[in-house]
Amino acid sequence: MTTTILDSPRPPDATTFDVPRQVRIRVGPDDFAALCAANPDLRLEREADGGVIVMSPASSRGGRRNLTLGARLWIWNEAAGLGVGFDSSTGFTLPDGSVRAPDAAWALRERWDRLTPAEQDRFAPIAPDFVAELRSPSDAPGELRAKMAHYIAQGVRLAWLIDPVARTVEIHRPGRDVEVLTRPATLSGEGVLPGFTLDLKGILFD
C-alpha cells in the first residue's frame, strides 16, 4: 500500500509522490508545518524523531461519529466555560516534539491562555488535558493503544479510545491501569471534564 502526497493547489499535470509503508520520511518542525500548509487536504502527524505519518480521511460514517463527539464536547464546554475544545484537524506539539491530531481534544482555559498568539496559530506546544480517538475499521488496535499510551506519557490527563468496531471504550489515565468498558451507554468526564457525561449513542453504536 502506498500513500500519495500532493502539492496544493494541484495543477492538472501535477506529479504524485508515492511513499511505501516501509519507507519513513523525516522532517524538522518548520518543514513539517510547511508540508501541512502545502497539503491542507491531508491529515498529517509527526513523530518525535521527525517521521511523518499520513492518515487516511475518515469514512462517511466515521466523520459523522467524529462530528457527534465534537458537538457534544462543544455543547458542554460552552455551558461550563472551563476550557477550549478542538476538532480532529487540530495539531498539538507534545513535549517530546511529536505532533498529534486527536479526533477530539480539550485544554483548560488558563493553560491555553498562557500560550502566545503565535504559538496558538501554529501546532500549539501543549498537551491537551483530554483527548479522544475513534477507531475506524482500518485502524490497528495495537497502534491506537500505543498512541493512547503516548498521549498519557506526554501529559494528557484523560484519554478515551472509542472502538465502534468492538463496541468497547478504553479509558487511559496517568498512573492507572487501562479500564475497558463493553458497550457503555455513557462516559464520565471525571475530574478532568467536570460535569461532562458523553452519550455514546451515535458514536459507539447507532
N, C-alpha and C. Protein backbone atom coordinates (compact mmCIF):
# COMPACT_ATOMS: atom_id res chain seq x y z
N MET A 1 0.87 -1.21 0.00
CA MET A 1 0.00 0.00 0.00
C MET A 1 0.89 1.24 0.00
N THR A 2 0.50 2.24 -0.73
CA THR A 2 1.27 3.48 -0.78
C THR A 2 0.42 4.64 -0.34
N THR A 3 1.11 5.67 0.08
CA THR A 3 0.46 6.92 0.46
C THR A 3 0.85 7.98 -0.55
N THR A 4 -0.11 8.74 -1.04
CA THR A 4 0.15 9.75 -2.05
C THR A 4 0.15 11.12 -1.42
N ILE A 5 1.23 11.84 -1.58
CA ILE A 5 1.36 13.20 -1.07
C ILE A 5 1.31 14.15 -2.26
N LEU A 6 0.41 15.09 -2.21
CA LEU A 6 0.23 16.03 -3.32
C LEU A 6 0.50 17.45 -2.87
N ASP A 7 1.05 18.25 -3.76
CA ASP A 7 1.13 19.67 -3.51
C ASP A 7 -0.27 20.27 -3.68
N SER A 8 -0.55 21.35 -2.99
CA SER A 8 -1.86 22.01 -3.12
C SER A 8 -1.63 23.52 -3.25
N PRO A 9 -2.31 24.20 -4.20
CA PRO A 9 -3.23 23.62 -5.17
C PRO A 9 -2.53 22.76 -6.22
N ARG A 10 -3.27 21.82 -6.84
CA ARG A 10 -2.65 20.89 -7.77
C ARG A 10 -3.03 21.23 -9.20
N PRO A 11 -2.05 21.52 -10.02
CA PRO A 11 -2.34 21.73 -11.43
C PRO A 11 -2.71 20.41 -12.09
N PRO A 12 -3.33 20.42 -13.27
CA PRO A 12 -3.78 19.18 -13.91
C PRO A 12 -2.66 18.19 -14.16
N ASP A 13 -1.43 18.68 -14.37
CA ASP A 13 -0.32 17.77 -14.69
C ASP A 13 0.57 17.52 -13.48
N ALA A 14 0.04 17.72 -12.27
CA ALA A 14 0.86 17.57 -11.06
C ALA A 14 1.35 16.14 -10.92
N THR A 15 2.54 15.99 -10.34
CA THR A 15 3.11 14.69 -10.09
C THR A 15 2.80 14.25 -8.67
N THR A 16 2.42 12.98 -8.51
CA THR A 16 2.16 12.45 -7.17
C THR A 16 3.44 11.83 -6.62
N PHE A 17 3.52 11.78 -5.31
CA PHE A 17 4.69 11.25 -4.61
C PHE A 17 4.21 10.08 -3.77
N ASP A 18 4.50 8.85 -4.19
CA ASP A 18 4.02 7.66 -3.50
C ASP A 18 5.06 7.17 -2.52
N VAL A 19 4.63 6.97 -1.27
CA VAL A 19 5.54 6.55 -0.21
C VAL A 19 5.11 5.19 0.31
N PRO A 20 5.87 4.12 0.06
CA PRO A 20 5.52 2.81 0.61
C PRO A 20 5.52 2.84 2.13
N ARG A 21 4.70 1.99 2.74
CA ARG A 21 4.58 1.99 4.19
C ARG A 21 5.91 1.78 4.89
N GLN A 22 6.78 0.95 4.31
CA GLN A 22 8.03 0.63 4.99
C GLN A 22 9.07 1.75 4.90
N VAL A 23 8.79 2.78 4.12
CA VAL A 23 9.70 3.90 3.95
C VAL A 23 9.25 5.03 4.88
N ARG A 24 10.19 5.58 5.65
CA ARG A 24 9.88 6.66 6.58
C ARG A 24 10.50 7.96 6.08
N ILE A 25 9.72 9.00 6.09
CA ILE A 25 10.20 10.34 5.73
C ILE A 25 10.29 11.15 7.00
N ARG A 26 11.43 11.80 7.24
CA ARG A 26 11.63 12.61 8.43
C ARG A 26 11.79 14.08 8.03
N VAL A 27 11.11 14.94 8.76
CA VAL A 27 11.22 16.38 8.53
C VAL A 27 11.33 17.09 9.87
N GLY A 28 11.93 18.28 9.85
CA GLY A 28 12.01 19.10 11.05
C GLY A 28 10.70 19.82 11.30
N PRO A 29 10.56 20.45 12.47
CA PRO A 29 9.29 21.13 12.80
C PRO A 29 8.86 22.17 11.79
N ASP A 30 9.77 23.01 11.32
CA ASP A 30 9.40 24.05 10.36
C ASP A 30 9.01 23.44 9.02
N ASP A 31 9.77 22.43 8.59
CA ASP A 31 9.44 21.78 7.32
C ASP A 31 8.10 21.04 7.42
N PHE A 32 7.80 20.48 8.60
CA PHE A 32 6.53 19.80 8.77
C PHE A 32 5.37 20.79 8.64
N ALA A 33 5.52 21.95 9.25
CA ALA A 33 4.49 22.98 9.14
C ALA A 33 4.29 23.38 7.68
N ALA A 34 5.38 23.51 6.95
CA ALA A 34 5.30 23.86 5.53
C ALA A 34 4.64 22.75 4.73
N LEU A 35 4.96 21.50 5.06
CA LEU A 35 4.37 20.36 4.38
C LEU A 35 2.85 20.33 4.59
N CYS A 36 2.43 20.59 5.82
CA CYS A 36 0.99 20.60 6.12
C CYS A 36 0.30 21.75 5.38
N ALA A 37 0.96 22.91 5.34
CA ALA A 37 0.37 24.05 4.66
C ALA A 37 0.23 23.80 3.16
N ALA A 38 1.15 23.05 2.59
CA ALA A 38 1.12 22.76 1.16
C ALA A 38 0.13 21.65 0.81
N ASN A 39 -0.30 20.89 1.83
CA ASN A 39 -1.20 19.76 1.61
C ASN A 39 -2.37 19.81 2.60
N PRO A 40 -3.21 20.83 2.50
CA PRO A 40 -4.26 21.01 3.51
C PRO A 40 -5.31 19.92 3.50
N ASP A 41 -5.40 19.14 2.43
CA ASP A 41 -6.40 18.07 2.37
C ASP A 41 -5.92 16.78 3.02
N LEU A 42 -4.65 16.74 3.43
CA LEU A 42 -4.12 15.54 4.07
C LEU A 42 -4.12 15.70 5.59
N ARG A 43 -4.31 14.59 6.30
CA ARG A 43 -4.18 14.57 7.76
C ARG A 43 -2.80 14.02 8.08
N LEU A 44 -1.94 14.89 8.59
CA LEU A 44 -0.55 14.52 8.85
C LEU A 44 -0.24 14.63 10.33
N GLU A 45 0.61 13.72 10.80
CA GLU A 45 1.16 13.80 12.15
C GLU A 45 2.67 13.62 12.05
N ARG A 46 3.36 14.01 13.11
CA ARG A 46 4.82 13.93 13.12
C ARG A 46 5.27 13.22 14.38
N GLU A 47 6.15 12.21 14.25
CA GLU A 47 6.69 11.52 15.39
C GLU A 47 7.82 12.33 16.01
N ALA A 48 8.24 11.95 17.21
CA ALA A 48 9.26 12.71 17.92
C ALA A 48 10.57 12.79 17.15
N ASP A 49 10.89 11.74 16.36
CA ASP A 49 12.13 11.75 15.60
C ASP A 49 11.98 12.40 14.23
N GLY A 50 10.81 13.00 13.96
CA GLY A 50 10.59 13.67 12.68
C GLY A 50 9.87 12.85 11.65
N GLY A 51 9.59 11.57 11.95
CA GLY A 51 8.89 10.73 10.99
C GLY A 51 7.49 11.25 10.72
N VAL A 52 7.11 11.29 9.44
CA VAL A 52 5.80 11.80 9.04
C VAL A 52 4.81 10.64 8.95
N ILE A 53 3.63 10.85 9.54
CA ILE A 53 2.56 9.88 9.48
C ILE A 53 1.44 10.48 8.65
N VAL A 54 1.01 9.77 7.61
CA VAL A 54 -0.10 10.22 6.77
C VAL A 54 -1.31 9.35 7.10
N MET A 55 -2.38 9.99 7.53
CA MET A 55 -3.58 9.26 7.93
C MET A 55 -4.65 9.39 6.85
N SER A 56 -5.42 8.32 6.69
CA SER A 56 -6.50 8.34 5.71
C SER A 56 -7.62 9.25 6.18
N PRO A 57 -8.36 9.86 5.26
CA PRO A 57 -9.54 10.62 5.66
C PRO A 57 -10.55 9.71 6.33
N ALA A 58 -11.37 10.27 7.19
CA ALA A 58 -12.41 9.49 7.84
C ALA A 58 -13.44 9.05 6.82
N SER A 59 -14.02 7.88 7.05
CA SER A 59 -15.14 7.43 6.22
C SER A 59 -16.35 8.31 6.52
N SER A 60 -17.39 8.18 5.71
CA SER A 60 -18.59 8.97 5.95
C SER A 60 -19.18 8.68 7.32
N ARG A 61 -19.27 7.40 7.68
CA ARG A 61 -19.80 7.06 9.00
C ARG A 61 -18.86 7.55 10.09
N GLY A 62 -17.55 7.38 9.88
CA GLY A 62 -16.59 7.86 10.86
C GLY A 62 -16.64 9.36 11.05
N GLY A 63 -16.81 10.10 9.94
CA GLY A 63 -16.92 11.54 10.04
C GLY A 63 -18.15 11.98 10.81
N ARG A 64 -19.25 11.26 10.62
CA ARG A 64 -20.47 11.57 11.38
C ARG A 64 -20.25 11.33 12.86
N ARG A 65 -19.58 10.24 13.21
CA ARG A 65 -19.30 9.97 14.62
C ARG A 65 -18.37 11.02 15.21
N ASN A 66 -17.36 11.41 14.44
CA ASN A 66 -16.44 12.45 14.92
C ASN A 66 -17.18 13.75 15.21
N LEU A 67 -18.07 14.12 14.29
CA LEU A 67 -18.82 15.36 14.47
C LEU A 67 -19.72 15.29 15.69
N THR A 68 -20.35 14.13 15.90
CA THR A 68 -21.23 13.97 17.06
C THR A 68 -20.44 14.10 18.35
N LEU A 69 -19.28 13.45 18.41
CA LEU A 69 -18.43 13.55 19.59
C LEU A 69 -18.01 14.99 19.84
N GLY A 70 -17.52 15.66 18.81
CA GLY A 70 -17.07 17.04 18.97
C GLY A 70 -18.20 17.98 19.35
N ALA A 71 -19.39 17.76 18.79
CA ALA A 71 -20.52 18.63 19.10
C ALA A 71 -20.92 18.49 20.56
N ARG A 72 -20.94 17.29 21.06
CA ARG A 72 -21.34 17.09 22.46
C ARG A 72 -20.29 17.67 23.42
N LEU A 73 -19.03 17.55 23.05
CA LEU A 73 -17.99 18.17 23.86
C LEU A 73 -18.12 19.68 23.82
N TRP A 74 -18.41 20.24 22.66
CA TRP A 74 -18.54 21.69 22.50
C TRP A 74 -19.71 22.22 23.31
N ILE A 75 -20.85 21.54 23.26
CA ILE A 75 -22.03 22.00 24.00
C ILE A 75 -21.74 22.06 25.49
N TRP A 76 -21.09 21.00 26.01
CA TRP A 76 -20.74 21.02 27.43
C TRP A 76 -19.77 22.16 27.73
N ASN A 77 -18.78 22.34 26.89
CA ASN A 77 -17.77 23.36 27.16
C ASN A 77 -18.36 24.77 27.10
N GLU A 78 -19.30 25.00 26.20
CA GLU A 78 -19.93 26.31 26.13
C GLU A 78 -20.66 26.64 27.43
N ALA A 79 -21.30 25.63 28.01
CA ALA A 79 -22.02 25.84 29.26
C ALA A 79 -21.08 25.95 30.45
N ALA A 80 -20.04 25.12 30.47
CA ALA A 80 -19.12 25.09 31.61
C ALA A 80 -18.15 26.27 31.59
N GLY A 81 -17.69 26.64 30.41
CA GLY A 81 -16.76 27.77 30.28
C GLY A 81 -15.41 27.54 30.93
N LEU A 82 -14.98 26.28 30.97
CA LEU A 82 -13.74 25.96 31.69
C LEU A 82 -12.51 25.85 30.79
N GLY A 83 -12.73 25.69 29.51
CA GLY A 83 -11.57 25.45 28.66
C GLY A 83 -11.84 25.72 27.20
N VAL A 84 -11.04 25.08 26.36
CA VAL A 84 -11.10 25.26 24.91
C VAL A 84 -11.16 23.88 24.27
N GLY A 85 -12.11 23.69 23.36
CA GLY A 85 -12.24 22.42 22.65
C GLY A 85 -11.66 22.51 21.25
N PHE A 86 -11.27 21.35 20.72
CA PHE A 86 -10.62 21.30 19.41
C PHE A 86 -11.14 20.10 18.61
N ASP A 87 -11.19 20.26 17.27
CA ASP A 87 -11.65 19.16 16.43
C ASP A 87 -10.48 18.36 15.89
N SER A 88 -10.81 17.42 15.00
CA SER A 88 -9.80 16.46 14.54
C SER A 88 -8.77 17.05 13.59
N SER A 89 -8.97 18.29 13.15
CA SER A 89 -7.99 18.91 12.26
C SER A 89 -6.91 19.66 13.02
N THR A 90 -6.96 19.62 14.36
CA THR A 90 -6.04 20.40 15.19
C THR A 90 -4.81 19.60 15.57
N GLY A 91 -3.64 20.15 15.29
CA GLY A 91 -2.39 19.50 15.68
C GLY A 91 -1.81 20.15 16.93
N PHE A 92 -1.24 19.32 17.79
CA PHE A 92 -0.58 19.80 19.01
C PHE A 92 0.86 19.29 19.02
N THR A 93 1.80 20.17 19.39
CA THR A 93 3.18 19.77 19.56
C THR A 93 3.36 19.33 21.01
N LEU A 94 3.59 18.05 21.20
CA LEU A 94 3.73 17.49 22.54
C LEU A 94 5.15 17.71 23.06
N PRO A 95 5.38 17.51 24.36
CA PRO A 95 6.70 17.81 24.92
C PRO A 95 7.87 17.12 24.24
N ASP A 96 7.66 15.93 23.67
CA ASP A 96 8.77 15.23 23.01
C ASP A 96 9.00 15.70 21.58
N GLY A 97 8.24 16.68 21.12
CA GLY A 97 8.41 17.21 19.77
C GLY A 97 7.49 16.60 18.74
N SER A 98 6.77 15.55 19.10
CA SER A 98 5.83 14.95 18.16
C SER A 98 4.63 15.87 17.97
N VAL A 99 3.97 15.72 16.84
CA VAL A 99 2.75 16.49 16.56
C VAL A 99 1.63 15.49 16.35
N ARG A 100 0.58 15.60 17.17
CA ARG A 100 -0.55 14.69 17.11
C ARG A 100 -1.84 15.47 16.88
N ALA A 101 -2.79 14.82 16.22
CA ALA A 101 -4.09 15.43 15.94
C ALA A 101 -5.19 14.46 16.36
N PRO A 102 -5.57 14.46 17.64
CA PRO A 102 -6.62 13.55 18.10
C PRO A 102 -7.97 13.90 17.48
N ASP A 103 -8.90 12.95 17.52
CA ASP A 103 -10.21 13.20 16.94
C ASP A 103 -10.98 14.27 17.70
N ALA A 104 -10.74 14.38 19.00
CA ALA A 104 -11.30 15.47 19.80
C ALA A 104 -10.32 15.75 20.92
N ALA A 105 -10.26 17.01 21.34
CA ALA A 105 -9.33 17.37 22.41
C ALA A 105 -9.89 18.57 23.17
N TRP A 106 -9.36 18.74 24.38
CA TRP A 106 -9.81 19.84 25.23
C TRP A 106 -8.67 20.22 26.16
N ALA A 107 -8.52 21.53 26.42
CA ALA A 107 -7.49 22.02 27.34
C ALA A 107 -8.09 23.08 28.25
N LEU A 108 -7.60 23.12 29.49
CA LEU A 108 -8.04 24.14 30.42
C LEU A 108 -7.76 25.53 29.86
N ARG A 109 -8.68 26.45 30.11
CA ARG A 109 -8.55 27.80 29.57
C ARG A 109 -7.27 28.49 30.02
N GLU A 110 -6.91 28.35 31.31
CA GLU A 110 -5.72 29.05 31.79
C GLU A 110 -4.45 28.52 31.15
N ARG A 111 -4.41 27.24 30.84
CA ARG A 111 -3.23 26.70 30.16
C ARG A 111 -3.16 27.21 28.73
N TRP A 112 -4.30 27.23 28.04
CA TRP A 112 -4.34 27.74 26.68
C TRP A 112 -3.97 29.21 26.62
N ASP A 113 -4.47 29.98 27.57
CA ASP A 113 -4.23 31.42 27.57
C ASP A 113 -2.77 31.77 27.88
N ARG A 114 -2.03 30.84 28.46
CA ARG A 114 -0.61 31.10 28.71
C ARG A 114 0.22 31.04 27.44
N LEU A 115 -0.32 30.48 26.39
CA LEU A 115 0.39 30.44 25.11
C LEU A 115 0.31 31.79 24.42
N THR A 116 1.33 32.12 23.68
CA THR A 116 1.30 33.36 22.91
C THR A 116 0.39 33.20 21.70
N PRO A 117 -0.10 34.30 21.12
CA PRO A 117 -0.90 34.17 19.90
C PRO A 117 -0.14 33.44 18.79
N ALA A 118 1.16 33.66 18.69
CA ALA A 118 1.95 32.97 17.66
C ALA A 118 1.95 31.47 17.90
N GLU A 119 2.05 31.05 19.15
CA GLU A 119 2.02 29.62 19.47
C GLU A 119 0.65 29.02 19.18
N GLN A 120 -0.40 29.77 19.47
CA GLN A 120 -1.75 29.29 19.22
C GLN A 120 -2.03 29.16 17.72
N ASP A 121 -1.36 29.96 16.92
CA ASP A 121 -1.58 29.94 15.48
C ASP A 121 -0.82 28.82 14.78
N ARG A 122 0.08 28.14 15.52
CA ARG A 122 0.81 27.01 14.94
C ARG A 122 0.27 25.73 15.56
N PHE A 123 1.07 24.66 15.54
CA PHE A 123 0.70 23.44 16.26
C PHE A 123 1.07 23.69 17.72
N ALA A 124 0.12 24.14 18.50
CA ALA A 124 0.38 24.68 19.82
C ALA A 124 1.22 23.74 20.68
N PRO A 125 2.25 24.26 21.36
CA PRO A 125 3.11 23.43 22.21
C PRO A 125 2.42 23.16 23.55
N ILE A 126 1.44 22.27 23.51
CA ILE A 126 0.67 21.96 24.72
C ILE A 126 0.11 20.55 24.59
N ALA A 127 0.15 19.80 25.67
CA ALA A 127 -0.53 18.52 25.72
C ALA A 127 -1.94 18.79 26.22
N PRO A 128 -2.96 18.47 25.44
CA PRO A 128 -4.32 18.71 25.92
C PRO A 128 -4.58 17.97 27.23
N ASP A 129 -5.50 18.48 28.01
CA ASP A 129 -5.88 17.77 29.24
C ASP A 129 -6.68 16.51 28.92
N PHE A 130 -7.41 16.56 27.82
CA PHE A 130 -8.26 15.43 27.42
C PHE A 130 -8.14 15.21 25.93
N VAL A 131 -8.11 13.94 25.51
CA VAL A 131 -8.18 13.59 24.09
C VAL A 131 -9.09 12.38 23.92
N ALA A 132 -9.64 12.25 22.73
CA ALA A 132 -10.41 11.07 22.36
C ALA A 132 -10.03 10.66 20.96
N GLU A 133 -9.96 9.36 20.74
CA GLU A 133 -9.72 8.80 19.42
C GLU A 133 -10.83 7.82 19.11
N LEU A 134 -11.33 7.86 17.86
CA LEU A 134 -12.34 6.94 17.38
C LEU A 134 -11.70 5.96 16.41
N ARG A 135 -11.82 4.69 16.71
CA ARG A 135 -11.23 3.69 15.82
C ARG A 135 -12.09 3.50 14.59
N SER A 136 -11.43 3.46 13.44
CA SER A 136 -12.10 3.09 12.20
C SER A 136 -11.76 1.64 11.88
N PRO A 137 -12.53 0.98 11.00
CA PRO A 137 -12.26 -0.43 10.70
C PRO A 137 -10.84 -0.71 10.20
N SER A 138 -10.21 0.28 9.58
CA SER A 138 -8.86 0.08 9.04
C SER A 138 -7.76 0.30 10.08
N ASP A 139 -8.10 0.82 11.25
CA ASP A 139 -7.10 1.10 12.28
C ASP A 139 -6.70 -0.17 13.02
N ALA A 140 -5.40 -0.35 13.23
CA ALA A 140 -4.90 -1.48 14.01
C ALA A 140 -5.04 -1.16 15.50
N PRO A 141 -5.74 -1.99 16.26
CA PRO A 141 -5.93 -1.69 17.70
C PRO A 141 -4.63 -1.47 18.45
N GLY A 142 -3.60 -2.27 18.15
CA GLY A 142 -2.33 -2.13 18.85
C GLY A 142 -1.70 -0.77 18.63
N GLU A 143 -1.78 -0.26 17.42
CA GLU A 143 -1.21 1.05 17.12
C GLU A 143 -1.98 2.15 17.86
N LEU A 144 -3.29 2.01 17.93
CA LEU A 144 -4.08 3.01 18.65
C LEU A 144 -3.79 2.98 20.15
N ARG A 145 -3.62 1.78 20.71
CA ARG A 145 -3.31 1.70 22.14
C ARG A 145 -1.95 2.33 22.43
N ALA A 146 -1.00 2.11 21.54
CA ALA A 146 0.32 2.74 21.72
C ALA A 146 0.19 4.26 21.64
N LYS A 147 -0.69 4.74 20.77
CA LYS A 147 -0.91 6.18 20.65
C LYS A 147 -1.51 6.74 21.93
N MET A 148 -2.47 6.01 22.52
CA MET A 148 -3.08 6.47 23.76
C MET A 148 -2.05 6.51 24.89
N ALA A 149 -1.21 5.48 24.98
CA ALA A 149 -0.16 5.46 26.00
C ALA A 149 0.80 6.64 25.81
N HIS A 150 1.06 6.97 24.55
CA HIS A 150 1.93 8.11 24.26
C HIS A 150 1.30 9.41 24.73
N TYR A 151 0.01 9.58 24.49
CA TYR A 151 -0.67 10.78 24.99
C TYR A 151 -0.49 10.93 26.50
N ILE A 152 -0.73 9.84 27.23
CA ILE A 152 -0.64 9.90 28.68
C ILE A 152 0.79 10.21 29.12
N ALA A 153 1.77 9.60 28.47
CA ALA A 153 3.17 9.84 28.81
C ALA A 153 3.56 11.29 28.57
N GLN A 154 2.87 11.96 27.65
CA GLN A 154 3.21 13.34 27.31
C GLN A 154 2.41 14.37 28.12
N GLY A 155 1.57 13.90 29.04
CA GLY A 155 0.91 14.85 29.93
C GLY A 155 -0.60 14.92 29.83
N VAL A 156 -1.21 14.18 28.91
CA VAL A 156 -2.67 14.16 28.83
C VAL A 156 -3.22 13.49 30.09
N ARG A 157 -4.28 14.04 30.66
CA ARG A 157 -4.80 13.54 31.94
C ARG A 157 -5.94 12.54 31.79
N LEU A 158 -6.60 12.54 30.65
CA LEU A 158 -7.68 11.60 30.41
C LEU A 158 -7.77 11.36 28.91
N ALA A 159 -7.79 10.09 28.51
CA ALA A 159 -7.84 9.75 27.08
C ALA A 159 -8.81 8.60 26.87
N TRP A 160 -9.68 8.79 25.90
CA TRP A 160 -10.66 7.74 25.56
C TRP A 160 -10.35 7.18 24.19
N LEU A 161 -10.28 5.85 24.10
CA LEU A 161 -10.21 5.16 22.82
C LEU A 161 -11.57 4.50 22.61
N ILE A 162 -12.34 5.09 21.72
CA ILE A 162 -13.71 4.63 21.45
C ILE A 162 -13.67 3.74 20.21
N ASP A 163 -14.10 2.49 20.38
CA ASP A 163 -13.98 1.49 19.32
C ASP A 163 -15.36 1.00 18.89
N PRO A 164 -15.97 1.63 17.87
CA PRO A 164 -17.28 1.18 17.41
C PRO A 164 -17.24 -0.21 16.77
N VAL A 165 -16.05 -0.68 16.37
CA VAL A 165 -15.94 -2.00 15.77
C VAL A 165 -16.16 -3.07 16.82
N ALA A 166 -15.46 -2.96 17.95
CA ALA A 166 -15.57 -3.93 19.04
C ALA A 166 -16.63 -3.55 20.06
N ARG A 167 -17.22 -2.35 19.93
CA ARG A 167 -18.21 -1.83 20.88
C ARG A 167 -17.62 -1.69 22.28
N THR A 168 -16.38 -1.23 22.34
CA THR A 168 -15.72 -1.04 23.62
C THR A 168 -15.15 0.37 23.72
N VAL A 169 -14.87 0.77 24.95
CA VAL A 169 -14.16 2.02 25.21
C VAL A 169 -13.02 1.72 26.17
N GLU A 170 -11.84 2.19 25.85
CA GLU A 170 -10.70 2.09 26.74
C GLU A 170 -10.45 3.47 27.36
N ILE A 171 -10.37 3.51 28.69
CA ILE A 171 -10.11 4.75 29.39
C ILE A 171 -8.68 4.73 29.91
N HIS A 172 -7.88 5.69 29.46
CA HIS A 172 -6.48 5.78 29.83
C HIS A 172 -6.30 6.97 30.77
N ARG A 173 -5.58 6.72 31.87
CA ARG A 173 -5.33 7.76 32.88
C ARG A 173 -3.89 7.60 33.37
N PRO A 174 -3.25 8.68 33.79
CA PRO A 174 -1.87 8.57 34.31
C PRO A 174 -1.83 7.70 35.58
N GLY A 175 -0.84 6.81 35.63
CA GLY A 175 -0.59 6.03 36.83
C GLY A 175 -1.62 4.98 37.14
N ARG A 176 -2.49 4.66 36.20
CA ARG A 176 -3.53 3.66 36.45
C ARG A 176 -3.61 2.68 35.29
N ASP A 177 -4.08 1.47 35.58
CA ASP A 177 -4.30 0.51 34.52
C ASP A 177 -5.40 1.00 33.59
N VAL A 178 -5.33 0.56 32.35
CA VAL A 178 -6.36 0.91 31.38
C VAL A 178 -7.67 0.23 31.77
N GLU A 179 -8.74 1.00 31.77
CA GLU A 179 -10.07 0.47 32.08
C GLU A 179 -10.79 0.22 30.76
N VAL A 180 -11.33 -0.99 30.60
CA VAL A 180 -12.04 -1.35 29.37
C VAL A 180 -13.52 -1.54 29.70
N LEU A 181 -14.37 -0.81 28.99
CA LEU A 181 -15.81 -0.90 29.17
C LEU A 181 -16.43 -1.50 27.91
N THR A 182 -17.36 -2.43 28.07
CA THR A 182 -18.04 -3.04 26.94
C THR A 182 -19.42 -2.43 26.77
N ARG A 183 -19.61 -1.83 25.63
CA ARG A 183 -20.88 -1.20 25.24
C ARG A 183 -21.47 -0.31 26.34
N PRO A 184 -20.70 0.63 26.87
CA PRO A 184 -21.28 1.56 27.84
C PRO A 184 -22.24 2.52 27.15
N ALA A 185 -23.24 2.98 27.87
CA ALA A 185 -24.19 3.95 27.31
C ALA A 185 -23.65 5.37 27.39
N THR A 186 -22.83 5.63 28.41
CA THR A 186 -22.29 6.97 28.62
C THR A 186 -20.86 6.87 29.13
N LEU A 187 -20.16 7.98 29.10
CA LEU A 187 -18.83 8.10 29.69
C LEU A 187 -18.79 9.35 30.55
N SER A 188 -18.11 9.26 31.68
CA SER A 188 -17.96 10.41 32.57
C SER A 188 -16.65 11.13 32.29
N GLY A 189 -16.72 12.45 32.28
CA GLY A 189 -15.51 13.25 32.13
C GLY A 189 -14.68 13.33 33.39
N GLU A 190 -15.18 12.76 34.47
CA GLU A 190 -14.47 12.67 35.75
C GLU A 190 -14.04 14.07 36.20
N GLY A 191 -12.90 14.14 36.86
CA GLY A 191 -12.43 15.43 37.35
C GLY A 191 -11.78 16.29 36.29
N VAL A 192 -11.47 15.69 35.14
CA VAL A 192 -10.82 16.45 34.07
C VAL A 192 -11.84 17.31 33.32
N LEU A 193 -13.00 16.73 33.04
CA LEU A 193 -14.09 17.43 32.38
C LEU A 193 -15.28 17.41 33.35
N PRO A 194 -15.24 18.21 34.40
CA PRO A 194 -16.25 18.10 35.46
C PRO A 194 -17.66 18.41 34.95
N GLY A 195 -18.57 17.48 35.25
CA GLY A 195 -19.95 17.65 34.84
C GLY A 195 -20.25 17.17 33.43
N PHE A 196 -19.26 16.69 32.70
CA PHE A 196 -19.49 16.22 31.33
C PHE A 196 -19.81 14.73 31.34
N THR A 197 -20.95 14.39 30.76
CA THR A 197 -21.32 12.99 30.54
C THR A 197 -21.58 12.83 29.05
N LEU A 198 -20.80 11.98 28.41
CA LEU A 198 -20.93 11.78 26.96
C LEU A 198 -21.92 10.66 26.67
N ASP A 199 -22.99 10.99 25.98
CA ASP A 199 -23.93 9.99 25.48
C ASP A 199 -23.30 9.34 24.25
N LEU A 200 -23.12 8.04 24.31
CA LEU A 200 -22.41 7.34 23.24
C LEU A 200 -23.29 6.88 22.10
N LYS A 201 -24.59 7.15 22.16
CA LYS A 201 -25.44 6.82 21.04
C LYS A 201 -25.05 7.66 19.83
N GLY A 202 -24.87 7.02 18.72
CA GLY A 202 -24.42 7.73 17.52
C GLY A 202 -22.92 7.83 17.41
N ILE A 203 -22.22 7.33 18.45
CA ILE A 203 -20.75 7.36 18.44
C ILE A 203 -20.20 5.94 18.56
N LEU A 204 -20.54 5.27 19.65
CA LEU A 204 -20.11 3.88 19.83
C LEU A 204 -21.06 2.92 19.13
N PHE A 205 -22.29 3.29 19.09
CA PHE A 205 -23.33 2.45 18.43
C PHE A 205 -24.40 3.37 17.87
N ASP A 206 -25.16 2.87 16.90
CA ASP A 206 -26.19 3.68 16.24
C ASP A 206 -27.52 3.59 17.00
